[in-house]
Structure formats: structure tokens, C-alpha cells
Amino acid sequence: MTALLGELPALPLHEAGKYVAGAYVVAFALVLVYVAVMAVRLSRIEHELDELAEREHAGEDERR
């Protein structure tokens, strides 16, 4: 496999630039999607935590 890669010609810089830019765009898009998914999950967790805090507070009021 290494010998085969050594024999393949490299892309000229003016052609390789398009592929490098494309790779960066794809990587950026993946990171952006990951951050968006984590933001949605965090929002749901915060919402559930607020509901639990309200239930606890309501339970304390009923005990008094």
C-alpha cells in the first residue's frame, strides 16, 4: 500500500486547494451541527431541571 502511494502523482497546488477548502467546509459544518445538537440537549435539560425545581418548591409549600 505504501509503495502504491509513493508512485501516485501529487495533485498540483492549484487543483488541491479546492479539495482542501471543501474538507474545511465539511469539517466546519460537522462542528456546527454538533454544537447545535448539544445546545438543544442543554436546553431540554435546563427545562427539565426548572420543572423539577418548581415541583420541589410546590411540595414545600404544601407541607407547610
PDB file of N, CA and C in Angstrom:
ATOM      1  N   MET A   1       0.840  -1.197   0.000  1.00  0.00           N
ATOM      2  CA  MET A   1       0.000   0.000   0.000  1.00  0.00           C
ATOM      3  C   MET A   1       0.877   1.249   0.000  1.00  0.00           C
ATOM      4  N   THR A   2       1.931   1.255   0.830  1.00  0.00           N
ATOM      5  CA  THR A   2       2.814   2.414   0.907  1.00  0.00           C
ATOM      6  C   THR A   2       3.528   2.636  -0.418  1.00  0.00           C
ATOM      7  N   ALA A   3       3.930   1.548  -1.073  1.00  0.00           N
ATOM      8  CA  ALA A   3       4.612   1.677  -2.360  1.00  0.00           C
ATOM      9  C   ALA A   3       3.682   2.278  -3.399  1.00  0.00           C
ATOM     10  N   LEU A   4       2.421   1.893  -3.349  1.00  0.00           N
ATOM     11  CA  LEU A   4       1.448   2.425  -4.305  1.00  0.00           C
ATOM     12  C   LEU A   4       1.261   3.925  -4.087  1.00  0.00           C
ATOM     13  N   LEU A   5       1.179   4.347  -2.837  1.00  0.00           N
ATOM     14  CA  LEU A   5       1.013   5.775  -2.556  1.00  0.00           C
ATOM     15  C   LEU A   5       2.242   6.569  -2.975  1.00  0.00           C
ATOM     16  N   GLY A   6       3.407   5.957  -2.866  1.00  0.00           N
ATOM     17  CA  GLY A   6       4.626   6.640  -3.280  1.00  0.00           C
ATOM     18  C   GLY A   6       4.704   6.838  -4.778  1.00  0.00           C
ATOM     19  N   GLU A   7       4.043   5.984  -5.548  1.00  0.00           N
ATOM     20  CA  GLU A   7       4.081   6.082  -7.003  1.00  0.00           C
ATOM     21  C   GLU A   7       3.028   7.026  -7.570  1.00  0.00           C
ATOM     22  N   LEU A   8       1.966   7.300  -6.808  1.00  0.00           N
ATOM     23  CA  LEU A   8       0.909   8.171  -7.309  1.00  0.00           C
ATOM     24  C   LEU A   8       1.394   9.610  -7.360  1.00  0.00           C
ATOM     25  N   PRO A   9       1.075  10.308  -8.440  1.00  0.00           N
ATOM     26  CA  PRO A   9       1.497  11.717  -8.519  1.00  0.00           C
ATOM     27  C   PRO A   9       0.656  12.587  -7.575  1.00  0.00           C
ATOM     28  N   ALA A  10       1.281  13.599  -7.045  1.00  0.00           N
ATOM     29  CA  ALA A  10       0.569  14.535  -6.181  1.00  0.00           C
ATOM     30  C   ALA A  10      -0.250  15.491  -7.039  1.00  0.00           C
ATOM     31  N   LEU A  11      -1.335  15.990  -6.472  1.00  0.00           N
ATOM     32  CA  LEU A  11      -2.141  16.984  -7.188  1.00  0.00           C
ATOM     33  C   LEU A  11      -1.378  18.309  -7.217  1.00  0.00           C
ATOM     34  N   PRO A  12      -1.452  19.007  -8.312  1.00  0.00           N
ATOM     35  CA  PRO A  12      -0.865  20.352  -8.335  1.00  0.00           C
ATOM     36  C   PRO A  12      -1.586  21.247  -7.319  1.00  0.00           C
ATOM     37  N   LEU A  13      -0.885  22.223  -6.789  1.00  0.00           N
ATOM     38  CA  LEU A  13      -1.445  23.070  -5.740  1.00  0.00           C
ATOM     39  C   LEU A  13      -2.709  23.796  -6.175  1.00  0.00           C
ATOM     40  N   HIS A  14      -2.794  24.213  -7.414  1.00  0.00           N
ATOM     41  CA  HIS A  14      -3.985  24.942  -7.852  1.00  0.00           C
ATOM     42  C   HIS A  14      -5.207  24.032  -7.920  1.00  0.00           C
ATOM     43  N   GLU A  15      -5.023  22.725  -8.040  1.00  0.00           N
ATOM     44  CA  GLU A  15      -6.147  21.784  -8.026  1.00  0.00           C
ATOM     45  C   GLU A  15      -6.447  21.288  -6.613  1.00  0.00           C
ATOM     46  N   ALA A  16      -5.426  21.114  -5.810  1.00  0.00           N
ATOM     47  CA  ALA A  16      -5.612  20.574  -4.462  1.00  0.00           C
ATOM     48  C   ALA A  16      -6.309  21.565  -3.551  1.00  0.00           C
ATOM     49  N   GLY A  17      -6.180  22.831  -3.825  1.00  0.00           N
ATOM     50  CA  GLY A  17      -6.789  23.858  -2.978  1.00  0.00           C
ATOM     51  C   GLY A  17      -8.294  23.712  -2.870  1.00  0.00           C
ATOM     52  N   LYS A  18      -8.926  23.302  -3.946  1.00  0.00           N
ATOM     53  CA  LYS A  18     -10.384  23.116  -3.932  1.00  0.00           C
ATOM     54  C   LYS A  18     -10.769  22.007  -2.952  1.00  0.00           C
ATOM     55  N   TYR A  19      -9.994  20.940  -2.958  1.00  0.00           N
ATOM     56  CA  TYR A  19     -10.301  19.811  -2.069  1.00  0.00           C
ATOM     57  C   TYR A  19     -10.028  20.158  -0.610  1.00  0.00           C
ATOM     58  N   VAL A  20      -8.975  20.901  -0.367  1.00  0.00           N
ATOM     59  CA  VAL A  20      -8.668  21.328   1.000  1.00  0.00           C
ATOM     60  C   VAL A  20      -9.766  22.242   1.516  1.00  0.00           C
ATOM     61  N   ALA A  21     -10.190  23.186   0.699  1.00  0.00           N
ATOM     62  CA  ALA A  21     -11.276  24.086   1.102  1.00  0.00           C
ATOM     63  C   ALA A  21     -12.554  23.302   1.350  1.00  0.00           C
ATOM     64  N   GLY A  22     -12.834  22.343   0.497  1.00  0.00           N
ATOM     65  CA  GLY A  22     -14.022  21.504   0.689  1.00  0.00           C
ATOM     66  C   GLY A  22     -13.961  20.718   1.983  1.00  0.00           C
ATOM     67  N   ALA A  23     -12.773  20.199   2.304  1.00  0.00           N
ATOM     68  CA  ALA A  23     -12.611  19.453   3.551  1.00  0.00           C
ATOM     69  C   ALA A  23     -12.846  20.360   4.756  1.00  0.00           C
ATOM     70  N   TYR A  24     -12.350  21.587   4.694  1.00  0.00           N
ATOM     71  CA  TYR A  24     -12.575  22.528   5.800  1.00  0.00           C
ATOM     72  C   TYR A  24     -14.060  22.884   5.929  1.00  0.00           C
ATOM     73  N   VAL A  25     -14.751  23.044   4.828  1.00  0.00           N
ATOM     74  CA  VAL A  25     -16.184  23.359   4.861  1.00  0.00           C
ATOM     75  C   VAL A  25     -16.958  22.210   5.498  1.00  0.00           C
ATOM     76  N   VAL A  26     -16.634  20.985   5.117  1.00  0.00           N
ATOM     77  CA  VAL A  26     -17.314  19.821   5.687  1.00  0.00           C
ATOM     78  C   VAL A  26     -17.023  19.714   7.183  1.00  0.00           C
ATOM     79  N   ALA A  27     -15.771  19.901   7.570  1.00  0.00           N
ATOM     80  CA  ALA A  27     -15.410  19.827   8.989  1.00  0.00           C
ATOM     81  C   ALA A  27     -16.140  20.915   9.783  1.00  0.00           C
ATOM     82  N   PHE A  28     -16.201  22.123   9.247  1.00  0.00           N
ATOM     83  CA  PHE A  28     -16.894  23.212   9.930  1.00  0.00           C
ATOM     84  C   PHE A  28     -18.377  22.912  10.068  1.00  0.00           C
ATOM     85  N   ALA A  29     -18.973  22.354   9.017  1.00  0.00           N
ATOM     86  CA  ALA A  29     -20.399  22.014   9.062  1.00  0.00           C
ATOM     87  C   ALA A  29     -20.666  20.951  10.126  1.00  0.00           C
ATOM     88  N   LEU A  30     -19.794  19.953  10.223  1.00  0.00           N
ATOM     89  CA  LEU A  30     -19.964  18.917  11.247  1.00  0.00           C
ATOM     90  C   LEU A  30     -19.871  19.492  12.651  1.00  0.00           C
ATOM     91  N   VAL A  31     -18.917  20.377  12.872  1.00  0.00           N
ATOM     92  CA  VAL A  31     -18.783  21.012  14.190  1.00  0.00           C
ATOM     93  C   VAL A  31     -20.011  21.861  14.484  1.00  0.00           C
ATOM     94  N   LEU A  32     -20.503  22.569  13.495  1.00  0.00           N
ATOM     95  CA  LEU A  32     -21.687  23.406  13.671  1.00  0.00           C
ATOM     96  C   LEU A  32     -22.909  22.561  14.039  1.00  0.00           C
ATOM     97  N   VAL A  33     -23.088  21.431  13.362  1.00  0.00           N
ATOM     98  CA  VAL A  33     -24.197  20.532  13.677  1.00  0.00           C
ATOM     99  C   VAL A  33     -24.043  19.979  15.094  1.00  0.00           C
ATOM    100  N   TYR A  34     -22.841  19.592  15.468  1.00  0.00           N
ATOM    101  CA  TYR A  34     -22.590  19.068  16.811  1.00  0.00           C
ATOM    102  C   TYR A  34     -22.945  20.106  17.879  1.00  0.00           C
ATOM    103  N   VAL A  35     -22.515  21.337  17.674  1.00  0.00           N
ATOM    104  CA  VAL A  35     -22.808  22.400  18.647  1.00  0.00           C
ATOM    105  C   VAL A  35     -24.308  22.654  18.721  1.00  0.00           C
ATOM    106  N   ALA A  36     -24.999  22.615  17.597  1.00  0.00           N
ATOM    107  CA  ALA A  36     -26.447  22.824  17.600  1.00  0.00           C
ATOM    108  C   ALA A  36     -27.155  21.705  18.359  1.00  0.00           C
ATOM    109  N   VAL A  37     -26.736  20.465  18.151  1.00  0.00           N
ATOM    110  CA  VAL A  37     -27.343  19.338  18.865  1.00  0.00           C
ATOM    111  C   VAL A  37     -27.096  19.464  20.366  1.00  0.00           C
ATOM    112  N   MET A  38     -25.895  19.836  20.748  1.00  0.00           N
ATOM    113  CA  MET A  38     -25.583  19.994  22.176  1.00  0.00           C
ATOM    114  C   MET A  38     -26.387  21.145  22.790  1.00  0.00           C
ATOM    115  N   ALA A  39     -26.624  22.213  22.030  1.00  0.00           N
ATOM    116  CA  ALA A  39     -27.418  23.329  22.532  1.00  0.00           C
ATOM    117  C   ALA A  39     -28.860  22.902  22.774  1.00  0.00           C
ATOM    118  N   VAL A  40     -29.411  22.101  21.867  1.00  0.00           N
ATOM    119  CA  VAL A  40     -30.784  21.608  22.035  1.00  0.00           C
ATOM    120  C   VAL A  40     -30.868  20.703  23.257  1.00  0.00           C
ATOM    121  N   ARG A  41     -29.901  19.820  23.418  1.00  0.00           N
ATOM    122  CA  ARG A  41     -29.908  18.914  24.579  1.00  0.00           C
ATOM    123  C   ARG A  41     -29.783  19.705  25.882  1.00  0.00           C
ATOM    124  N   LEU A  42     -28.925  20.713  25.893  1.00  0.00           N
ATOM    125  CA  LEU A  42     -28.759  21.534  27.088  1.00  0.00           C
ATOM    126  C   LEU A  42     -30.046  22.271  27.414  1.00  0.00           C
ATOM    127  N   SER A  43     -30.725  22.771  26.400  1.00  0.00           N
ATOM    128  CA  SER A  43     -31.986  23.475  26.609  1.00  0.00           C
ATOM    129  C   SER A  43     -33.025  22.547  27.230  1.00  0.00           C
ATOM    130  N   ARG A  44     -33.104  21.319  26.729  1.00  0.00           N
ATOM    131  CA  ARG A  44     -34.063  20.354  27.288  1.00  0.00           C
ATOM    132  C   ARG A  44     -33.732  20.032  28.740  1.00  0.00           C
ATOM    133  N   ILE A  45     -32.464  19.847  29.033  1.00  0.00           N
ATOM    134  CA  ILE A  45     -32.060  19.528  30.402  1.00  0.00           C
ATOM    135  C   ILE A  45     -32.380  20.688  31.333  1.00  0.00           C
ATOM    136  N   GLU A  46     -32.110  21.923  30.889  1.00  0.00           N
ATOM    137  CA  GLU A  46     -32.434  23.085  31.715  1.00  0.00           C
ATOM    138  C   GLU A  46     -33.940  23.173  31.960  1.00  0.00           C
ATOM    139  N   HIS A  47     -34.738  22.885  30.946  1.00  0.00           N
ATOM    140  CA  HIS A  47     -36.191  22.924  31.085  1.00  0.00           C
ATOM    141  C   HIS A  47     -36.650  21.887  32.105  1.00  0.00           C
ATOM    142  N   GLU A  48     -36.121  20.671  32.013  1.00  0.00           N
ATOM    143  CA  GLU A  48     -36.483  19.619  32.959  1.00  0.00           C
ATOM    144  C   GLU A  48     -36.036  19.976  34.367  1.00  0.00           C
ATOM    145  N   LEU A  49     -34.881  20.578  34.496  1.00  0.00           N
ATOM    146  CA  LEU A  49     -34.385  20.988  35.809  1.00  0.00           C
ATOM    147  C   LEU A  49     -35.272  22.072  36.415  1.00  0.00           C
ATOM    148  N   ASP A  50     -35.728  23.004  35.590  1.00  0.00           N
ATOM    149  CA  ASP A  50     -36.652  24.038  36.076  1.00  0.00           C
ATOM    150  C   ASP A  50     -37.965  23.421  36.554  1.00  0.00           C
ATOM    151  N   GLU A  51     -38.472  22.431  35.799  1.00  0.00           N
ATOM    152  CA  GLU A  51     -39.706  21.761  36.212  1.00  0.00           C
ATOM    153  C   GLU A  51     -39.517  21.043  37.548  1.00  0.00           C
ATOM    154  N   LEU A  52     -38.400  20.381  37.722  1.00  0.00           N
ATOM    155  CA  LEU A  52     -38.136  19.688  38.983  1.00  0.00           C
ATOM    156  C   LEU A  52     -38.029  20.673  40.143  1.00  0.00           C
ATOM    157  N   ALA A  53     -37.398  21.810  39.897  1.00  0.00           N
ATOM    158  CA  ALA A  53     -37.278  22.824  40.941  1.00  0.00           C
ATOM    159  C   ALA A  53     -38.654  23.383  41.311  1.00  0.00           C
ATOM    160  N   GLU A  54     -39.524  23.579  40.317  1.00  0.00           N
ATOM    161  CA  GLU A  54     -40.881  24.063  40.594  1.00  0.00           C
ATOM    162  C   GLU A  54     -41.669  23.028  41.393  1.00  0.00           C
ATOM    163  N   ARG A  55     -41.526  21.750  41.038  1.00  0.00           N
ATOM    164  CA  ARG A  55     -42.216  20.694  41.793  1.00  0.00           C
ATOM    165  C   ARG A  55     -41.735  20.650  43.235  1.00  0.00           C
ATOM    166  N   GLU A  56     -40.443  20.782  43.410  1.00  0.00           N
ATOM    167  CA  GLU A  56     -39.896  20.768  44.770  1.00  0.00           C
ATOM    168  C   GLU A  56     -40.424  21.957  45.563  1.00  0.00           C
ATOM    169  N   HIS A  57     -40.443  23.116  44.931  1.00  0.00           N
ATOM    170  CA  HIS A  57     -40.928  24.316  45.608  1.00  0.00           C
ATOM    171  C   HIS A  57     -42.417  24.177  45.942  1.00  0.00           C
ATOM    172  N   ALA A  58     -43.206  23.623  45.027  1.00  0.00           N
ATOM    173  CA  ALA A  58     -44.643  23.417  45.269  1.00  0.00           C
ATOM    174  C   ALA A  58     -44.845  22.405  46.388  1.00  0.00           C
ATOM    175  N   GLY A  59     -44.018  21.387  46.447  1.00  0.00           N
ATOM    176  CA  GLY A  59     -44.112  20.381  47.500  1.00  0.00           C
ATOM    177  C   GLY A  59     -43.799  20.966  48.869  1.00  0.00           C
ATOM    178  N   GLU A  60     -42.846  21.886  48.930  1.00  0.00           N
ATOM    179  CA  GLU A  60     -42.511  22.523  50.187  1.00  0.00           C
ATOM    180  C   GLU A  60     -43.670  23.398  50.665  1.00  0.00           C
ATOM    181  N   ASP A  61     -44.353  24.077  49.738  1.00  0.00           N
ATOM    182  CA  ASP A  61     -45.492  24.929  50.108  1.00  0.00           C
ATOM    183  C   ASP A  61     -46.657  24.098  50.657  1.00  0.00           C
ATOM    184  N   GLU A  62     -46.873  22.915  50.088  1.00  0.00           N
ATOM    185  CA  GLU A  62     -47.970  22.059  50.543  1.00  0.00           C
ATOM    186  C   GLU A  62     -47.695  21.493  51.920  1.00  0.00           C
ATOM    187  N   ARG A  63     -46.442  21.256  52.263  1.00  0.00           N
ATOM    188  CA  ARG A  63     -46.099  20.690  53.562  1.00  0.00           C
ATOM    189  C   ARG A  63     -46.267  21.683  54.693  1.00  0.00           C
ATOM    190  N   ARG A  64     -46.283  22.944  54.373  1.00  0.00           N
ATOM    191  CA  ARG A  64     -46.375  23.980  55.429  1.00  0.00           C
ATOM    192  C   ARG A  64     -47.759  24.176  55.903  1.00  0.00           C
TER     193      ARG A  64
END
